[in-house]
PDB file of N, CA and C in Angstrom:
ATOM      1  N   MET A   1     238.437 178.695 -57.900  1.00  0.00           N
ATOM      2  CA  MET A   1     237.094 178.420 -57.436  1.00  0.00           C
ATOM      3  C   MET A   1     236.200 179.613 -57.773  1.00  0.00           C
ATOM      4  N   ASN A   2     235.023 179.367 -58.271  1.00  0.00           N
ATOM      5  CA  ASN A   2     234.110 180.405 -58.683  1.00  0.00           C
ATOM      6  C   ASN A   2     233.353 180.943 -57.460  1.00  0.00           C
ATOM      7  N   VAL A   3     233.528 182.221 -57.156  1.00  0.00           N
ATOM      8  CA  VAL A   3     232.890 182.837 -56.001  1.00  0.00           C
ATOM      9  C   VAL A   3     231.835 183.817 -56.502  1.00  0.00           C
ATOM     10  N   ASN A   4     230.661 183.737 -55.929  1.00  0.00           N
ATOM     11  CA  ASN A   4     229.583 184.645 -56.293  1.00  0.00           C
ATOM     12  C   ASN A   4     229.926 186.044 -55.802  1.00  0.00           C
ATOM     13  N   LYS A   5     229.863 187.039 -56.693  1.00  0.00           N
ATOM     14  CA  LYS A   5     230.243 188.415 -56.350  1.00  0.00           C
ATOM     15  C   LYS A   5     229.276 189.037 -55.345  1.00  0.00           C
ATOM     16  N   ALA A   6     227.993 188.698 -55.423  1.00  0.00           N
ATOM     17  CA  ALA A   6     227.015 189.253 -54.482  1.00  0.00           C
ATOM     18  C   ALA A   6     227.301 188.769 -53.066  1.00  0.00           C
ATOM     19  N   LEU A   7     227.601 187.481 -52.914  1.00  0.00           N
ATOM     20  CA  LEU A   7     227.917 186.956 -51.589  1.00  0.00           C
ATOM     21  C   LEU A   7     229.247 187.496 -51.071  1.00  0.00           C
ATOM     22  N   GLN A   8     230.181 187.724 -51.985  1.00  0.00           N
ATOM     23  CA  GLN A   8     231.459 188.289 -51.588  1.00  0.00           C
ATOM     24  C   GLN A   8     231.272 189.726 -51.092  1.00  0.00           C
ATOM     25  N   PHE A   9     230.376 190.497 -51.745  1.00  0.00           N
ATOM     26  CA  PHE A   9     230.099 191.863 -51.302  1.00  0.00           C
ATOM     27  C   PHE A   9     229.389 191.880 -49.953  1.00  0.00           C
ATOM     28  N   ILE A  10     228.445 190.966 -49.748  1.00  0.00           N
ATOM     29  CA  ILE A  10     227.719 190.906 -48.482  1.00  0.00           C
ATOM     30  C   ILE A  10     228.663 190.547 -47.339  1.00  0.00           C
ATOM     31  N   GLY A  11     229.678 189.781 -47.598  1.00  0.00           N
ATOM     32  CA  GLY A  11     230.637 189.399 -46.575  1.00  0.00           C
ATOM     33  C   GLY A  11     231.761 190.398 -46.370  1.00  0.00           C
ATOM     34  N   SER A  12     231.779 191.493 -47.131  1.00  0.00           N
ATOM     35  CA  SER A  12     232.867 192.462 -47.001  1.00  0.00           C
ATOM     36  C   SER A  12     232.681 193.326 -45.760  1.00  0.00           C
ATOM     37  N   LYS A  13     233.793 193.868 -45.288  1.00  0.00           N
ATOM     38  CA  LYS A  13     233.737 194.674 -44.069  1.00  0.00           C
ATOM     39  C   LYS A  13     233.027 196.003 -44.295  1.00  0.00           C
ATOM     40  N   TRP A  14     233.030 196.520 -45.506  1.00  0.00           N
ATOM     41  CA  TRP A  14     232.353 197.790 -45.767  1.00  0.00           C
ATOM     42  C   TRP A  14     230.833 197.621 -45.753  1.00  0.00           C
ATOM     43  N   PHE A  15     230.341 196.504 -46.263  1.00  0.00           N
ATOM     44  CA  PHE A  15     228.902 196.245 -46.213  1.00  0.00           C
ATOM     45  C   PHE A  15     228.434 196.079 -44.770  1.00  0.00           C
ATOM     46  N   VAL A  16     229.215 195.371 -43.971  1.00  0.00           N
ATOM     47  CA  VAL A  16     228.848 195.171 -42.567  1.00  0.00           C
ATOM     48  C   VAL A  16     228.875 196.506 -41.820  1.00  0.00           C
ATOM     49  N   LEU A  17     229.830 197.366 -42.139  1.00  0.00           N
ATOM     50  CA  LEU A  17     229.888 198.682 -41.500  1.00  0.00           C
ATOM     51  C   LEU A  17     228.688 199.540 -41.885  1.00  0.00           C
ATOM     52  N   ILE A  18     228.326 199.549 -43.156  1.00  0.00           N
ATOM     53  CA  ILE A  18     227.159 200.312 -43.607  1.00  0.00           C
ATOM     54  C   ILE A  18     225.885 199.759 -42.974  1.00  0.00           C
ATOM     55  N   LEU A  19     225.786 198.441 -42.878  1.00  0.00           N
ATOM     56  CA  LEU A  19     224.630 197.808 -42.234  1.00  0.00           C
ATOM     57  C   LEU A  19     224.531 198.216 -40.766  1.00  0.00           C
ATOM     58  N   ALA A  20     225.658 198.265 -40.066  1.00  0.00           N
ATOM     59  CA  ALA A  20     225.658 198.674 -38.662  1.00  0.00           C
ATOM     60  C   ALA A  20     225.219 200.125 -38.514  1.00  0.00           C
ATOM     61  N   ILE A  21     225.684 200.992 -39.396  1.00  0.00           N
ATOM     62  CA  ILE A  21     225.302 202.407 -39.331  1.00  0.00           C
ATOM     63  C   ILE A  21     223.817 202.586 -39.607  1.00  0.00           C
ATOM     64  N   VAL A  22     223.292 201.877 -40.602  1.00  0.00           N
ATOM     65  CA  VAL A  22     221.861 201.977 -40.927  1.00  0.00           C
ATOM     66  C   VAL A  22     221.017 201.478 -39.758  1.00  0.00           C
ATOM     67  N   MET A  23     221.422 200.395 -39.137  1.00  0.00           N
ATOM     68  CA  MET A  23     220.660 199.868 -38.001  1.00  0.00           C
ATOM     69  C   MET A  23     220.714 200.811 -36.807  1.00  0.00           C
ATOM     70  N   MET A  24     221.827 201.484 -36.612  1.00  0.00           N
ATOM     71  CA  MET A  24     221.918 202.445 -35.521  1.00  0.00           C
ATOM     72  C   MET A  24     221.059 203.677 -35.800  1.00  0.00           C
ATOM     73  N   VAL A  25     220.898 204.050 -37.066  1.00  0.00           N
ATOM     74  CA  VAL A  25     220.040 205.182 -37.431  1.00  0.00           C
ATOM     75  C   VAL A  25     218.568 204.826 -37.230  1.00  0.00           C
ATOM     76  N   VAL A  26     218.188 203.592 -37.530  1.00  0.00           N
ATOM     77  CA  VAL A  26     216.795 203.156 -37.416  1.00  0.00           C
ATOM     78  C   VAL A  26     216.418 202.857 -35.958  1.00  0.00           C
ATOM     79  N   LEU A  27     217.390 202.611 -35.110  1.00  0.00           N
ATOM     80  CA  LEU A  27     217.124 202.242 -33.718  1.00  0.00           C
ATOM     81  C   LEU A  27     216.293 203.284 -32.952  1.00  0.00           C
ATOM     82  N   PRO A  28     216.551 204.599 -33.063  1.00  0.00           N
ATOM     83  CA  PRO A  28     215.673 205.559 -32.357  1.00  0.00           C
ATOM     84  C   PRO A  28     214.225 205.550 -32.840  1.00  0.00           C
ATOM     85  N   VAL A  29     214.011 205.250 -34.101  1.00  0.00           N
ATOM     86  CA  VAL A  29     212.639 205.191 -34.627  1.00  0.00           C
ATOM     87  C   VAL A  29     211.886 204.027 -33.990  1.00  0.00           C
ATOM     88  N   THR A  30     212.530 202.870 -33.935  1.00  0.00           N
ATOM     89  CA  THR A  30     211.857 201.720 -33.328  1.00  0.00           C
ATOM     90  C   THR A  30     211.678 201.911 -31.819  1.00  0.00           C
ATOM     91  N   TYR A  31     212.618 202.619 -31.176  1.00  0.00           N
ATOM     92  CA  TYR A  31     212.466 202.897 -29.749  1.00  0.00           C
ATOM     93  C   TYR A  31     211.293 203.847 -29.504  1.00  0.00           C
ATOM     94  N   SER A  32     211.147 204.855 -30.346  1.00  0.00           N
ATOM     95  CA  SER A  32     210.016 205.774 -30.157  1.00  0.00           C
ATOM     96  C   SER A  32     208.687 205.059 -30.384  1.00  0.00           C
ATOM     97  N   ASN A  33     208.643 204.134 -31.339  1.00  0.00           N
ATOM     98  CA  ASN A  33     207.430 203.332 -31.534  1.00  0.00           C
ATOM     99  C   ASN A  33     207.145 202.472 -30.310  1.00  0.00           C
ATOM    100  N   LEU A  34     208.191 201.913 -29.717  1.00  0.00           N
ATOM    101  CA  LEU A  34     208.029 201.109 -28.506  1.00  0.00           C
ATOM    102  C   LEU A  34     207.482 201.956 -27.359  1.00  0.00           C
ATOM    103  N   MET A  35     207.988 203.157 -27.200  1.00  0.00           N
ATOM    104  CA  MET A  35     207.527 204.022 -26.108  1.00  0.00           C
ATOM    105  C   MET A  35     206.084 204.471 -26.315  1.00  0.00           C
ATOM    106  N   ILE A  36     205.692 204.705 -27.552  1.00  0.00           N
ATOM    107  CA  ILE A  36     204.300 205.076 -27.836  1.00  0.00           C
ATOM    108  C   ILE A  36     203.361 203.936 -27.459  1.00  0.00           C
ATOM    109  N   VAL A  37     203.734 202.718 -27.844  1.00  0.00           N
ATOM    110  CA  VAL A  37     202.891 201.559 -27.533  1.00  0.00           C
ATOM    111  C   VAL A  37     202.881 201.302 -26.026  1.00  0.00           C
ATOM    112  N   PHE A  38     204.024 201.475 -25.367  1.00  0.00           N
ATOM    113  CA  PHE A  38     204.100 201.246 -23.921  1.00  0.00           C
ATOM    114  C   PHE A  38     203.259 202.271 -23.155  1.00  0.00           C
ATOM    115  N   ASN A  39     203.362 203.538 -23.516  1.00  0.00           N
ATOM    116  CA  ASN A  39     202.601 204.584 -22.824  1.00  0.00           C
ATOM    117  C   ASN A  39     201.101 204.489 -23.099  1.00  0.00           C
ATOM    118  N   ALA A  40     200.725 203.922 -24.223  1.00  0.00           N
ATOM    119  CA  ALA A  40     199.308 203.740 -24.529  1.00  0.00           C
ATOM    120  C   ALA A  40     198.732 202.517 -23.822  1.00  0.00           C
ATOM    121  N   GLY A  41     199.593 201.668 -23.264  1.00  0.00           N
ATOM    122  CA  GLY A  41     199.121 200.486 -22.560  1.00  0.00           C
ATOM    123  C   GLY A  41     198.650 199.380 -23.493  1.00  0.00           C
ATOM    124  N   GLU A  42     199.204 199.334 -24.686  1.00  0.00           N
ATOM    125  CA  GLU A  42     198.769 198.357 -25.693  1.00  0.00           C
ATOM    126  C   GLU A  42     199.842 197.318 -26.002  1.00  0.00           C
ATOM    127  N   MET A  43     200.711 197.026 -25.034  1.00  0.00           N
ATOM    128  CA  MET A  43     201.806 196.088 -25.286  1.00  0.00           C
ATOM    129  C   MET A  43     201.299 194.677 -25.571  1.00  0.00           C
ATOM    130  N   SER A  44     200.215 194.276 -24.934  1.00  0.00           N
ATOM    131  CA  SER A  44     199.723 192.916 -25.148  1.00  0.00           C
ATOM    132  C   SER A  44     199.056 192.770 -26.519  1.00  0.00           C
ATOM    133  N   ARG A  45     198.424 193.817 -26.998  1.00  0.00           N
ATOM    134  CA  ARG A  45     197.755 193.753 -28.299  1.00  0.00           C
ATOM    135  C   ARG A  45     198.741 193.948 -29.445  1.00  0.00           C
ATOM    136  N   LEU A  46     199.702 194.850 -29.290  1.00  0.00           N
ATOM    137  CA  LEU A  46     200.701 195.125 -30.327  1.00  0.00           C
ATOM    138  C   LEU A  46     202.044 194.526 -29.921  1.00  0.00           C
ATOM    139  N   TRP A  47     202.078 193.227 -29.739  1.00  0.00           N
ATOM    140  CA  TRP A  47     203.265 192.536 -29.242  1.00  0.00           C
ATOM    141  C   TRP A  47     204.421 192.561 -30.228  1.00  0.00           C
ATOM    142  N   TYR A  48     204.159 192.794 -31.492  1.00  0.00           N
ATOM    143  CA  TYR A  48     205.215 192.766 -32.495  1.00  0.00           C
ATOM    144  C   TYR A  48     206.091 194.023 -32.469  1.00  0.00           C
ATOM    145  N   ILE A  49     205.611 195.116 -31.901  1.00  0.00           N
ATOM    146  CA  ILE A  49     206.421 196.343 -31.819  1.00  0.00           C
ATOM    147  C   ILE A  49     207.621 196.141 -30.893  1.00  0.00           C
ATOM    148  N   PRO A  50     207.454 195.607 -29.667  1.00  0.00           N
ATOM    149  CA  PRO A  50     208.648 195.332 -28.852  1.00  0.00           C
ATOM    150  C   PRO A  50     209.545 194.258 -29.464  1.00  0.00           C
ATOM    151  N   THR A  51     208.946 193.312 -30.177  1.00  0.00           N
ATOM    152  CA  THR A  51     209.740 192.273 -30.825  1.00  0.00           C
ATOM    153  C   THR A  51     210.638 192.868 -31.904  1.00  0.00           C
ATOM    154  N   VAL A  52     210.106 193.781 -32.697  1.00  0.00           N
ATOM    155  CA  VAL A  52     210.900 194.443 -33.732  1.00  0.00           C
ATOM    156  C   VAL A  52     212.021 195.259 -33.105  1.00  0.00           C
ATOM    157  N   PHE A  53     211.724 195.953 -32.005  1.00  0.00           N
ATOM    158  CA  PHE A  53     212.761 196.744 -31.345  1.00  0.00           C
ATOM    159  C   PHE A  53     213.872 195.856 -30.801  1.00  0.00           C
ATOM    160  N   ILE A  54     213.528 194.749 -30.168  1.00  0.00           N
ATOM    161  CA  ILE A  54     214.544 193.854 -29.602  1.00  0.00           C
ATOM    162  C   ILE A  54     215.400 193.234 -30.701  1.00  0.00           C
ATOM    163  N   ILE A  55     214.773 192.825 -31.788  1.00  0.00           N
ATOM    164  CA  ILE A  55     215.526 192.255 -32.907  1.00  0.00           C
ATOM    165  C   ILE A  55     216.437 193.308 -33.530  1.00  0.00           C
ATOM    166  N   ASN A  56     215.950 194.530 -33.671  1.00  0.00           N
ATOM    167  CA  ASN A  56     216.766 195.609 -34.216  1.00  0.00           C
ATOM    168  C   ASN A  56     217.944 195.917 -33.297  1.00  0.00           C
ATOM    169  N   LEU A  57     217.705 195.944 -32.001  1.00  0.00           N
ATOM    170  CA  LEU A  57     218.778 196.219 -31.046  1.00  0.00           C
ATOM    171  C   LEU A  57     219.849 195.127 -31.086  1.00  0.00           C
ATOM    172  N   LEU A  58     219.423 193.872 -31.068  1.00  0.00           N
ATOM    173  CA  LEU A  58     220.386 192.768 -31.107  1.00  0.00           C
ATOM    174  C   LEU A  58     221.173 192.730 -32.419  1.00  0.00           C
ATOM    175  N   SER A  59     220.496 192.950 -33.528  1.00  0.00           N
ATOM    176  CA  SER A  59     221.215 192.916 -34.800  1.00  0.00           C
ATOM    177  C   SER A  59     222.133 194.116 -34.974  1.00  0.00           C
ATOM    178  N   ALA A  60     221.787 195.273 -34.416  1.00  0.00           N
ATOM    179  CA  ALA A  60     222.697 196.421 -34.456  1.00  0.00           C
ATOM    180  C   ALA A  60     223.946 196.134 -33.633  1.00  0.00           C
ATOM    181  N   LEU A  61     223.770 195.561 -32.447  1.00  0.00           N
ATOM    182  CA  LEU A  61     224.932 195.229 -31.615  1.00  0.00           C
ATOM    183  C   LEU A  61     225.810 194.170 -32.274  1.00  0.00           C
ATOM    184  N   MET A  62     225.185 193.162 -32.862  1.00  0.00           N
ATOM    185  CA  MET A  62     225.965 192.103 -33.501  1.00  0.00           C
ATOM    186  C   MET A  62     226.691 192.596 -34.747  1.00  0.00           C
ATOM    187  N   SER A  63     226.085 193.481 -35.515  1.00  0.00           N
ATOM    188  CA  SER A  63     226.762 193.990 -36.706  1.00  0.00           C
ATOM    189  C   SER A  63     227.897 194.941 -36.338  1.00  0.00           C
ATOM    190  N   ILE A  64     227.749 195.700 -35.254  1.00  0.00           N
ATOM    191  CA  ILE A  64     228.857 196.543 -34.786  1.00  0.00           C
ATOM    192  C   ILE A  64     230.008 195.670 -34.308  1.00  0.00           C
ATOM    193  N   TYR A  65     229.689 194.607 -33.592  1.00  0.00           N
ATOM    194  CA  TYR A  65     230.715 193.672 -33.119  1.00  0.00           C
ATOM    195  C   TYR A  65     231.434 193.007 -34.287  1.00  0.00           C
ATOM    196  N   LYS A  66     230.676 192.607 -35.296  1.00  0.00           N
ATOM    197  CA  LYS A  66     231.264 191.959 -36.471  1.00  0.00           C
ATOM    198  C   LYS A  66     232.123 192.940 -37.262  1.00  0.00           C
ATOM    199  N   ALA A  67     231.657 194.178 -37.434  1.00  0.00           N
ATOM    200  CA  ALA A  67     232.434 195.177 -38.172  1.00  0.00           C
ATOM    201  C   ALA A  67     233.718 195.517 -37.430  1.00  0.00           C
ATOM    202  N   ALA A  68     233.643 195.649 -36.114  1.00  0.00           N
ATOM    203  CA  ALA A  68     234.851 195.931 -35.337  1.00  0.00           C
ATOM    204  C   ALA A  68     235.838 194.777 -35.438  1.00  0.00           C
ATOM    205  N   GLY A  69     235.340 193.565 -35.424  1.00  0.00           N
ATOM    206  CA  GLY A  69     236.209 192.406 -35.575  1.00  0.00           C
ATOM    207  C   GLY A  69     236.852 192.339 -36.941  1.00  0.00           C
ATOM    208  N   MET A  70     236.120 192.764 -37.969  1.00  0.00           N
ATOM    209  CA  MET A  70     236.682 192.741 -39.317  1.00  0.00           C
ATOM    210  C   MET A  70     237.724 193.837 -39.519  1.00  0.00           C
ATOM    211  N   PHE A  71     237.519 195.000 -38.922  1.00  0.00           N
ATOM    212  CA  PHE A  71     238.441 196.103 -39.113  1.00  0.00           C
ATOM    213  C   PHE A  71     239.690 195.990 -38.240  1.00  0.00           C
ATOM    214  N   PHE A  72     239.567 195.437 -37.062  1.00  0.00           N
ATOM    215  CA  PHE A  72     240.684 195.436 -36.121  1.00  0.00           C
ATOM    216  C   PHE A  72     241.370 194.086 -35.963  1.00  0.00           C
ATOM    217  N   SER A  73     241.059 193.131 -36.825  1.00  0.00           N
ATOM    218  CA  SER A  73     241.736 191.835 -36.725  1.00  0.00           C
ATOM    219  C   SER A  73     243.140 191.959 -37.316  1.00  0.00           C
ATOM    220  N   LYS A  74     244.101 191.315 -36.676  1.00  0.00           N
ATOM    221  CA  LYS A  74     245.498 191.423 -37.084  1.00  0.00           C
ATOM    222  C   LYS A  74     245.914 190.337 -38.061  1.00  0.00           C
ATOM    223  N   LYS A  75     245.307 189.156 -37.945  1.00  0.00           N
ATOM    224  CA  LYS A  75     245.739 188.058 -38.796  1.00  0.00           C
ATOM    225  C   LYS A  75     245.070 188.137 -40.162  1.00  0.00           C
ATOM    226  N   GLU A  76     245.776 187.668 -41.165  1.00  0.00           N
ATOM    227  CA  GLU A  76     245.237 187.628 -42.514  1.00  0.00           C
ATOM    228  C   GLU A  76     244.712 186.232 -42.803  1.00  0.00           C
ATOM    229  N   LYS A  77     243.659 186.166 -43.570  1.00  0.00           N
ATOM    230  CA  LYS A  77     243.051 184.880 -43.885  1.00  0.00           C
ATOM    231  C   LYS A  77     243.889 184.140 -44.924  1.00  0.00           C
ATOM    232  N   GLU A  78     244.012 182.864 -44.732  1.00  0.00           N
ATOM    233  CA  GLU A  78     244.699 182.036 -45.697  1.00  0.00           C
ATOM    234  C   GLU A  78     243.682 181.463 -46.664  1.00  0.00           C
ATOM    235  N   ALA A  79     244.022 181.456 -47.916  1.00  0.00           N
ATOM    236  CA  ALA A  79     243.132 180.900 -48.932  1.00  0.00           C
ATOM    237  C   ALA A  79     243.200 179.374 -48.870  1.00  0.00           C
ATOM    238  N   GLU A  80     242.041 178.777 -48.782  1.00  0.00           N
ATOM    239  CA  GLU A  80     241.970 177.318 -48.736  1.00  0.00           C
ATOM    240  C   GLU A  80     241.480 176.803 -50.071  1.00  0.00           C
ATOM    241  N   ASP A  81     242.107 175.771 -50.546  1.00  0.00           N
ATOM    242  CA  ASP A  81     241.707 175.165 -51.810  1.00  0.00           C
ATOM    243  C   ASP A  81     240.954 173.877 -51.518  1.00  0.00           C
ATOM    244  N   TRP A  82     239.687 173.837 -51.887  1.00  0.00           N
ATOM    245  CA  TRP A  82     238.846 172.681 -51.590  1.00  0.00           C
ATOM    246  C   TRP A  82     238.828 171.685 -52.747  1.00  0.00           C
ATOM    247  N   ASP A  83     239.498 172.016 -53.823  1.00  0.00           N
ATOM    248  CA  ASP A  83     239.526 171.103 -54.972  1.00  0.00           C
ATOM    249  C   ASP A  83     240.527 169.990 -54.721  1.00  0.00           C
ATOM    250  N   ASP A  84     240.155 168.777 -55.090  1.00  0.00           N
ATOM    251  CA  ASP A  84     241.070 167.636 -54.925  1.00  0.00           C
ATOM    252  C   ASP A  84     241.788 167.344 -56.223  1.00  0.00           C
TER     253      ASP A  84
END
């Protein structure tokens, strides 16, 4: 079966680990932006800043969870043949 190499790389455990690390590095920047907007009292006008922080936080947690699951799983995947 022909597998796209780009999709195979995106699904690899090393890409997910690098993605988790990058998101954890960017998380303090988005938090500081959130605190600036909160202390200025402009949360209602700049509503997208807290939205970006929440999305970044959730995706960082989910990518860490996915990377941990990929690295610490004990079972090996079985190759399935979809051709008839």
